[in-house]
Amino acid sequence: MNGTRLVYSTDFGRACAGCGQPQAQCTCKAKQRPTGDGVVRVRRETAGRKGKGVTAIHGLPLDDAALTALAKQLKALCGSGGTAKDGVIEIQGDHLEKVMAWLQARPEGWTVKRAGG
């Protein structure tokens, strides 16, 4: 079985690509994102979205579960849809000022900067 790896098991579901353990019990580096410089960057993006803009938040030092929970709070704050994927929160529409003010007021003490134009 050289060159093959387990990706799903009927016993425990999805497996980690790095170590082969269940995703909930994985402790290897394949699951972790690289740490940034400690600055949360908020910018407006339209690339690859047929001209529709989204507010993208990069550099949040959170795991996937906390990132999803924060995305839910931001979506409720802005009154629009969005997603959290690959360490980035995307909120539909142009909500830069509202998102930046809300993130700066958080007790975590993140440094928030506007990126892009």
N, C-alpha and C. Protein backbone atom coordinates (compact mmCIF):
# COMPACT_ATOMS: atom_id res chain seq x y z
N MET A 1 0.82 -1.19 0.00
CA MET A 1 0.00 0.00 0.00
C MET A 1 0.86 1.25 0.00
N ASN A 2 1.95 1.25 -0.68
CA ASN A 2 2.78 2.44 -0.77
C ASN A 2 2.09 3.48 -1.63
N GLY A 3 2.17 4.74 -1.20
CA GLY A 3 1.58 5.83 -1.96
C GLY A 3 0.09 6.00 -1.73
N THR A 4 -0.52 5.27 -0.82
CA THR A 4 -1.93 5.44 -0.53
C THR A 4 -2.08 5.93 0.90
N ARG A 5 -3.18 6.62 1.14
CA ARG A 5 -3.44 7.10 2.49
C ARG A 5 -4.94 7.05 2.75
N LEU A 6 -5.31 6.95 3.99
CA LEU A 6 -6.69 6.90 4.40
C LEU A 6 -7.28 8.31 4.42
N VAL A 7 -8.42 8.52 3.77
CA VAL A 7 -9.05 9.83 3.79
C VAL A 7 -10.41 9.79 4.48
N TYR A 8 -11.02 8.61 4.57
CA TYR A 8 -12.32 8.48 5.22
C TYR A 8 -12.47 7.07 5.76
N SER A 9 -13.05 6.97 6.93
CA SER A 9 -13.33 5.67 7.52
C SER A 9 -14.77 5.66 8.00
N THR A 10 -15.46 4.56 7.82
CA THR A 10 -16.82 4.47 8.31
C THR A 10 -16.87 4.43 9.83
N ASP A 11 -15.73 4.15 10.46
CA ASP A 11 -15.68 4.13 11.93
C ASP A 11 -15.66 5.53 12.53
N PHE A 12 -14.87 6.44 11.95
CA PHE A 12 -14.71 7.75 12.57
C PHE A 12 -14.86 8.93 11.62
N GLY A 13 -15.12 8.72 10.36
CA GLY A 13 -15.33 9.83 9.42
C GLY A 13 -14.05 10.25 8.73
N ARG A 14 -13.87 11.55 8.53
CA ARG A 14 -12.70 12.08 7.81
C ARG A 14 -11.43 11.90 8.61
N ALA A 15 -10.34 11.65 7.86
CA ALA A 15 -9.03 11.46 8.46
C ALA A 15 -8.12 12.62 8.07
N CYS A 16 -7.17 12.94 8.93
CA CYS A 16 -6.20 14.00 8.64
C CYS A 16 -5.30 13.55 7.50
N ALA A 17 -4.98 14.47 6.59
CA ALA A 17 -4.13 14.13 5.46
C ALA A 17 -2.69 13.90 5.90
N GLY A 18 -2.28 14.50 7.01
CA GLY A 18 -0.90 14.39 7.46
C GLY A 18 -0.61 13.11 8.24
N CYS A 19 -1.42 12.84 9.26
CA CYS A 19 -1.10 11.73 10.16
C CYS A 19 -2.05 10.54 10.03
N GLY A 20 -3.20 10.70 9.38
CA GLY A 20 -4.13 9.61 9.21
C GLY A 20 -5.06 9.40 10.40
N GLN A 21 -4.94 10.21 11.43
CA GLN A 21 -5.81 10.12 12.60
C GLN A 21 -7.15 10.79 12.29
N PRO A 22 -8.20 10.50 13.10
CA PRO A 22 -9.46 11.23 12.91
C PRO A 22 -9.22 12.73 13.03
N GLN A 23 -9.91 13.54 12.23
CA GLN A 23 -9.67 14.98 12.24
C GLN A 23 -9.87 15.60 13.62
N ALA A 24 -10.80 15.09 14.39
CA ALA A 24 -11.04 15.64 15.72
C ALA A 24 -9.88 15.37 16.67
N GLN A 25 -9.07 14.36 16.41
CA GLN A 25 -7.97 13.98 17.30
C GLN A 25 -6.60 14.28 16.71
N CYS A 26 -6.54 14.97 15.59
CA CYS A 26 -5.28 15.25 14.92
C CYS A 26 -4.43 16.23 15.71
N THR A 27 -3.14 15.95 15.81
CA THR A 27 -2.22 16.86 16.49
C THR A 27 -1.04 17.22 15.60
N CYS A 28 -1.07 16.84 14.35
CA CYS A 28 0.07 17.11 13.46
C CYS A 28 -0.01 18.52 12.89
N LYS A 29 0.99 18.92 12.17
CA LYS A 29 1.10 20.27 11.61
C LYS A 29 0.24 20.48 10.37
N ALA A 30 -0.30 19.44 9.76
CA ALA A 30 -1.09 19.60 8.55
C ALA A 30 -2.37 20.38 8.82
N LYS A 31 -2.83 20.38 10.06
CA LYS A 31 -4.08 21.02 10.42
C LYS A 31 -3.89 22.50 10.80
N GLN A 32 -2.70 22.90 11.18
CA GLN A 32 -2.46 24.24 11.69
C GLN A 32 -2.06 25.20 10.59
N ARG A 33 -2.57 26.43 10.71
CA ARG A 33 -2.19 27.48 9.79
C ARG A 33 -0.94 28.17 10.33
N PRO A 34 -0.11 28.71 9.45
CA PRO A 34 1.06 29.45 9.94
C PRO A 34 0.61 30.72 10.66
N THR A 35 1.34 31.06 11.71
CA THR A 35 1.00 32.26 12.46
C THR A 35 1.47 33.49 11.68
N GLY A 36 0.68 34.52 11.72
CA GLY A 36 1.01 35.74 10.99
C GLY A 36 1.85 36.68 11.83
N ASP A 37 1.79 37.96 11.49
CA ASP A 37 2.57 38.95 12.21
C ASP A 37 1.79 39.60 13.34
N GLY A 38 0.60 39.10 13.65
CA GLY A 38 -0.19 39.63 14.75
C GLY A 38 -1.10 40.78 14.36
N VAL A 39 -1.17 41.11 13.08
CA VAL A 39 -2.01 42.20 12.61
C VAL A 39 -3.19 41.62 11.84
N VAL A 40 -4.39 42.05 12.21
CA VAL A 40 -5.60 41.64 11.50
C VAL A 40 -5.82 42.63 10.38
N ARG A 41 -5.91 42.15 9.15
CA ARG A 41 -6.07 43.03 7.99
C ARG A 41 -7.46 42.86 7.40
N VAL A 42 -8.12 43.99 7.17
CA VAL A 42 -9.47 44.01 6.61
C VAL A 42 -9.38 44.71 5.26
N ARG A 43 -9.91 44.08 4.23
CA ARG A 43 -9.87 44.69 2.90
C ARG A 43 -11.10 44.29 2.09
N ARG A 44 -11.34 45.05 1.03
CA ARG A 44 -12.44 44.76 0.11
C ARG A 44 -11.87 44.03 -1.08
N GLU A 45 -12.49 42.91 -1.44
CA GLU A 45 -12.03 42.10 -2.57
C GLU A 45 -13.16 41.90 -3.56
N THR A 46 -12.82 41.93 -4.85
CA THR A 46 -13.79 41.62 -5.89
C THR A 46 -13.28 40.56 -6.85
N ALA A 47 -12.02 40.19 -6.74
CA ALA A 47 -11.40 39.25 -7.68
C ALA A 47 -12.09 37.89 -7.64
N GLY A 48 -12.47 37.40 -8.81
CA GLY A 48 -13.06 36.08 -8.93
C GLY A 48 -14.50 36.00 -8.47
N ARG A 49 -15.17 37.15 -8.32
CA ARG A 49 -16.54 37.15 -7.82
C ARG A 49 -17.49 37.89 -8.77
N LYS A 50 -17.11 38.01 -10.02
CA LYS A 50 -17.91 38.66 -11.06
C LYS A 50 -18.30 40.08 -10.66
N GLY A 51 -17.36 40.81 -10.04
CA GLY A 51 -17.60 42.20 -9.69
C GLY A 51 -18.28 42.42 -8.35
N LYS A 52 -18.76 41.36 -7.72
CA LYS A 52 -19.40 41.48 -6.42
C LYS A 52 -18.33 41.62 -5.36
N GLY A 53 -18.43 42.60 -4.51
CA GLY A 53 -17.42 42.84 -3.48
C GLY A 53 -17.71 42.10 -2.19
N VAL A 54 -16.65 41.70 -1.51
CA VAL A 54 -16.75 41.13 -0.18
C VAL A 54 -15.74 41.83 0.72
N THR A 55 -16.03 41.86 1.99
CA THR A 55 -15.09 42.36 2.98
C THR A 55 -14.36 41.15 3.52
N ALA A 56 -13.05 41.10 3.32
CA ALA A 56 -12.24 39.95 3.73
C ALA A 56 -11.40 40.32 4.94
N ILE A 57 -11.40 39.44 5.95
CA ILE A 57 -10.63 39.64 7.17
C ILE A 57 -9.56 38.56 7.23
N HIS A 58 -8.30 38.98 7.16
CA HIS A 58 -7.15 38.07 7.16
C HIS A 58 -6.35 38.24 8.44
N GLY A 59 -5.66 37.18 8.85
CA GLY A 59 -4.71 37.27 9.95
C GLY A 59 -5.28 37.09 11.34
N LEU A 60 -6.49 36.57 11.46
CA LEU A 60 -7.05 36.33 12.79
C LEU A 60 -6.39 35.10 13.41
N PRO A 61 -5.86 35.23 14.62
CA PRO A 61 -5.17 34.10 15.26
C PRO A 61 -6.15 33.16 15.96
N LEU A 62 -7.04 32.55 15.20
CA LEU A 62 -8.08 31.69 15.76
C LEU A 62 -8.08 30.33 15.06
N ASP A 63 -8.58 29.32 15.77
CA ASP A 63 -8.75 28.02 15.13
C ASP A 63 -10.04 28.03 14.32
N ASP A 64 -10.32 26.95 13.62
CA ASP A 64 -11.45 26.92 12.69
C ASP A 64 -12.79 27.13 13.39
N ALA A 65 -12.97 26.52 14.57
CA ALA A 65 -14.25 26.65 15.28
C ALA A 65 -14.48 28.09 15.74
N ALA A 66 -13.46 28.72 16.28
CA ALA A 66 -13.59 30.10 16.74
C ALA A 66 -13.75 31.06 15.56
N LEU A 67 -13.11 30.74 14.45
CA LEU A 67 -13.23 31.56 13.25
C LEU A 67 -14.66 31.51 12.71
N THR A 68 -15.27 30.34 12.73
CA THR A 68 -16.65 30.18 12.28
C THR A 68 -17.60 30.94 13.20
N ALA A 69 -17.36 30.88 14.51
CA ALA A 69 -18.22 31.60 15.46
C ALA A 69 -18.09 33.11 15.28
N LEU A 70 -16.88 33.59 15.06
CA LEU A 70 -16.67 35.02 14.83
C LEU A 70 -17.32 35.46 13.52
N ALA A 71 -17.24 34.62 12.49
CA ALA A 71 -17.89 34.92 11.21
C ALA A 71 -19.39 35.05 11.39
N LYS A 72 -19.97 34.21 12.21
CA LYS A 72 -21.40 34.27 12.46
C LYS A 72 -21.78 35.59 13.13
N GLN A 73 -20.97 36.05 14.09
CA GLN A 73 -21.23 37.33 14.75
C GLN A 73 -21.10 38.50 13.78
N LEU A 74 -20.08 38.44 12.92
CA LEU A 74 -19.88 39.51 11.94
C LEU A 74 -21.01 39.55 10.91
N LYS A 75 -21.48 38.39 10.49
CA LYS A 75 -22.58 38.35 9.53
C LYS A 75 -23.85 38.96 10.14
N ALA A 76 -24.08 38.69 11.43
CA ALA A 76 -25.24 39.28 12.11
C ALA A 76 -25.08 40.79 12.26
N LEU A 77 -23.87 41.23 12.57
CA LEU A 77 -23.59 42.65 12.71
C LEU A 77 -23.85 43.41 11.41
N CYS A 78 -23.40 42.83 10.30
CA CYS A 78 -23.51 43.49 9.00
C CYS A 78 -24.84 43.22 8.31
N GLY A 79 -25.58 42.24 8.78
CA GLY A 79 -26.86 41.92 8.15
C GLY A 79 -26.71 41.34 6.77
N SER A 80 -25.65 40.55 6.55
CA SER A 80 -25.43 39.96 5.24
C SER A 80 -24.83 38.57 5.41
N GLY A 81 -24.66 37.89 4.30
CA GLY A 81 -24.10 36.55 4.32
C GLY A 81 -22.59 36.57 4.32
N GLY A 82 -22.01 35.41 4.36
CA GLY A 82 -20.56 35.30 4.34
C GLY A 82 -20.11 33.90 4.67
N THR A 83 -18.80 33.74 4.82
CA THR A 83 -18.23 32.44 5.10
C THR A 83 -16.89 32.59 5.81
N ALA A 84 -16.44 31.49 6.39
CA ALA A 84 -15.10 31.41 6.97
C ALA A 84 -14.43 30.19 6.38
N LYS A 85 -13.34 30.41 5.63
CA LYS A 85 -12.64 29.29 5.02
C LYS A 85 -11.17 29.62 4.87
N ASP A 86 -10.32 28.64 5.06
CA ASP A 86 -8.87 28.78 4.90
C ASP A 86 -8.29 29.92 5.73
N GLY A 87 -8.83 30.15 6.92
CA GLY A 87 -8.30 31.18 7.80
C GLY A 87 -8.74 32.59 7.46
N VAL A 88 -9.69 32.75 6.54
CA VAL A 88 -10.16 34.07 6.12
C VAL A 88 -11.67 34.13 6.30
N ILE A 89 -12.15 35.25 6.86
CA ILE A 89 -13.59 35.48 6.96
C ILE A 89 -13.97 36.41 5.81
N GLU A 90 -15.01 36.03 5.06
CA GLU A 90 -15.52 36.86 3.97
C GLU A 90 -16.96 37.22 4.28
N ILE A 91 -17.24 38.53 4.30
CA ILE A 91 -18.59 39.05 4.52
C ILE A 91 -19.04 39.70 3.23
N GLN A 92 -20.22 39.33 2.74
CA GLN A 92 -20.71 39.87 1.48
C GLN A 92 -21.01 41.36 1.62
N GLY A 93 -20.51 42.14 0.69
CA GLY A 93 -20.76 43.58 0.68
C GLY A 93 -19.57 44.38 1.21
N ASP A 94 -19.71 45.70 1.17
CA ASP A 94 -18.66 46.61 1.60
C ASP A 94 -18.96 47.07 3.02
N HIS A 95 -18.35 46.43 4.02
CA HIS A 95 -18.58 46.72 5.43
C HIS A 95 -17.28 47.02 6.15
N LEU A 96 -16.31 47.63 5.46
CA LEU A 96 -14.98 47.84 6.03
C LEU A 96 -15.01 48.60 7.36
N GLU A 97 -15.62 49.76 7.38
CA GLU A 97 -15.59 50.61 8.57
C GLU A 97 -16.29 49.94 9.75
N LYS A 98 -17.44 49.33 9.50
CA LYS A 98 -18.20 48.68 10.56
C LYS A 98 -17.42 47.50 11.16
N VAL A 99 -16.80 46.69 10.29
CA VAL A 99 -16.05 45.53 10.75
C VAL A 99 -14.79 45.95 11.50
N MET A 100 -14.08 46.97 10.98
CA MET A 100 -12.87 47.43 11.65
C MET A 100 -13.18 47.98 13.04
N ALA A 101 -14.22 48.78 13.16
CA ALA A 101 -14.59 49.35 14.46
C ALA A 101 -14.98 48.26 15.44
N TRP A 102 -15.71 47.26 14.98
CA TRP A 102 -16.14 46.17 15.85
C TRP A 102 -14.96 45.33 16.31
N LEU A 103 -14.03 45.03 15.40
CA LEU A 103 -12.86 44.23 15.77
C LEU A 103 -11.94 44.98 16.74
N GLN A 104 -11.80 46.29 16.57
CA GLN A 104 -10.95 47.08 17.47
C GLN A 104 -11.54 47.18 18.86
N ALA A 105 -12.86 47.13 18.96
CA ALA A 105 -13.53 47.23 20.25
C ALA A 105 -13.53 45.90 21.02
N ARG A 106 -13.10 44.83 20.40
CA ARG A 106 -13.09 43.52 21.04
C ARG A 106 -12.06 43.48 22.17
N PRO A 107 -12.29 42.68 23.20
CA PRO A 107 -11.36 42.62 24.34
C PRO A 107 -10.05 41.89 24.03
N GLU A 108 -9.93 41.24 22.89
CA GLU A 108 -8.70 40.51 22.56
C GLU A 108 -7.52 41.44 22.31
N GLY A 109 -7.79 42.70 21.96
CA GLY A 109 -6.73 43.67 21.74
C GLY A 109 -5.97 43.48 20.44
N TRP A 110 -6.68 43.07 19.39
CA TRP A 110 -6.03 42.88 18.09
C TRP A 110 -5.66 44.22 17.48
N THR A 111 -4.56 44.25 16.75
CA THR A 111 -4.20 45.40 15.93
C THR A 111 -4.90 45.22 14.59
N VAL A 112 -5.77 46.15 14.25
CA VAL A 112 -6.58 46.03 13.03
C VAL A 112 -6.14 47.11 12.06
N LYS A 113 -5.84 46.70 10.83
CA LYS A 113 -5.44 47.65 9.78
C LYS A 113 -6.29 47.44 8.54
N ARG A 114 -6.48 48.54 7.82
CA ARG A 114 -7.17 48.45 6.53
C ARG A 114 -6.10 48.13 5.49
N ALA A 115 -6.33 47.12 4.70
CA ALA A 115 -5.38 46.72 3.66
C ALA A 115 -5.98 47.07 2.30
N GLY A 116 -5.14 47.16 1.31
CA GLY A 116 -5.62 47.49 -0.02
C GLY A 116 -5.84 48.98 -0.17
N GLY A 117 -6.78 49.38 -0.99
CA GLY A 117 -7.01 50.79 -1.27
C GLY A 117 -7.82 51.49 -0.33
